[in-house]
């Protein structure tokens, strides 16, 4: 969403998604 996430698939805007 924001930076370079891992499972940033269905993540809204959680820049802390892994």
PDB file of N, CA and C in Angstrom:
ATOM      1  N   UNK A   1       0.833  -1.201   0.000  1.00  0.00           N
ATOM      2  CA  UNK A   1       0.000   0.000   0.000  1.00  0.00           C
ATOM      3  C   UNK A   1       0.871   1.256   0.000  1.00  0.00           C
ATOM      4  N   UNK A   2       1.669   1.365   1.037  1.00  0.00           N
ATOM      5  CA  UNK A   2       2.516   2.567   1.152  1.00  0.00           C
ATOM      6  C   UNK A   2       3.923   2.279   0.644  1.00  0.00           C
ATOM      7  N   UNK A   3       4.674   1.532   1.426  1.00  0.00           N
ATOM      8  CA  UNK A   3       6.056   1.237   1.064  1.00  0.00           C
ATOM      9  C   UNK A   3       6.114  -0.082   0.299  1.00  0.00           C
ATOM     10  N   UNK A   4       7.093  -0.889   0.563  1.00  0.00           N
ATOM     11  CA  UNK A   4       7.222  -2.167  -0.125  1.00  0.00           C
ATOM     12  C   UNK A   4       6.803  -3.292   0.815  1.00  0.00           C
ATOM     13  N   UNK A   5       5.496  -3.577   0.813  1.00  0.00           N
ATOM     14  CA  UNK A   5       4.987  -4.591   1.704  1.00  0.00           C
ATOM     15  C   UNK A   5       5.114  -5.980   1.088  1.00  0.00           C
ATOM     16  N   UNK A   6       4.857  -6.990   1.907  1.00  0.00           N
ATOM     17  CA  UNK A   6       4.930  -8.363   1.434  1.00  0.00           C
ATOM     18  C   UNK A   6       3.559  -8.812   0.935  1.00  0.00           C
ATOM     19  N   UNK A   7       2.641  -9.016   1.860  1.00  0.00           N
ATOM     20  CA  UNK A   7       1.291  -9.453   1.500  1.00  0.00           C
ATOM     21  C   UNK A   7       0.400  -8.247   1.313  1.00  0.00           C
ATOM     22  N   UNK A   8       0.882  -7.243   0.583  1.00  0.00           N
ATOM     23  CA  UNK A   8       0.126  -6.026   0.332  1.00  0.00           C
ATOM     24  C   UNK A   8      -0.892  -6.280  -0.784  1.00  0.00           C
ATOM     25  N   UNK A   9      -1.737  -7.277  -0.555  1.00  0.00           N
ATOM     26  CA  UNK A   9      -2.720  -7.641  -1.551  1.00  0.00           C
ATOM     27  C   UNK A   9      -4.072  -7.012  -1.224  1.00  0.00           C
ATOM     28  N   UNK A  10      -4.619  -7.397  -0.096  1.00  0.00           N
ATOM     29  CA  UNK A  10      -5.909  -6.863   0.316  1.00  0.00           C
ATOM     30  C   UNK A  10      -5.727  -5.860   1.443  1.00  0.00           C
ATOM     31  N   UNK A  11      -4.479  -5.414   1.617  1.00  0.00           N
ATOM     32  CA  UNK A  11      -4.190  -4.443   2.661  1.00  0.00           C
ATOM     33  C   UNK A  11      -4.620  -3.060   2.205  1.00  0.00           C
ATOM     34  N   UNK A  12      -5.507  -2.413   2.957  1.00  0.00           N
ATOM     35  CA  UNK A  12      -5.998  -1.074   2.638  1.00  0.00           C
ATOM     36  C   UNK A  12      -4.862  -0.055   2.594  1.00  0.00           C
ATOM     37  N   UNK A  13      -4.382   0.350   3.731  1.00  0.00           N
ATOM     38  CA  UNK A  13      -3.317   1.343   3.791  1.00  0.00           C
ATOM     39  C   UNK A  13      -2.442   1.065   5.012  1.00  0.00           C
ATOM     40  N   UNK A  14      -2.350  -0.213   5.336  1.00  0.00           N
ATOM     41  CA  UNK A  14      -1.540  -0.619   6.482  1.00  0.00           C
ATOM     42  C   UNK A  14      -0.083  -0.722   6.073  1.00  0.00           C
ATOM     43  N   UNK A  15       0.685   0.295   6.353  1.00  0.00           N
ATOM     44  CA  UNK A  15       2.107   0.290   5.990  1.00  0.00           C
ATOM     45  C   UNK A  15       2.886  -0.638   6.908  1.00  0.00           C
ATOM     46  N   UNK A  16       2.174  -1.492   7.629  1.00  0.00           N
ATOM     47  CA  UNK A  16       2.830  -2.435   8.527  1.00  0.00           C
ATOM     48  C   UNK A  16       2.248  -3.821   8.280  1.00  0.00           C
ATOM     49  N   UNK A  17       2.030  -4.123   7.009  1.00  0.00           N
ATOM     50  CA  UNK A  17       1.445  -5.404   6.652  1.00  0.00           C
ATOM     51  C   UNK A  17       2.537  -6.381   6.250  1.00  0.00           C
ATOM     52  N   UNK A  18       2.490  -7.566   6.835  1.00  0.00           N
ATOM     53  CA  UNK A  18       3.455  -8.586   6.472  1.00  0.00           C
ATOM     54  C   UNK A  18       2.776  -9.949   6.557  1.00  0.00           C
TER      55      UNK A  18
END
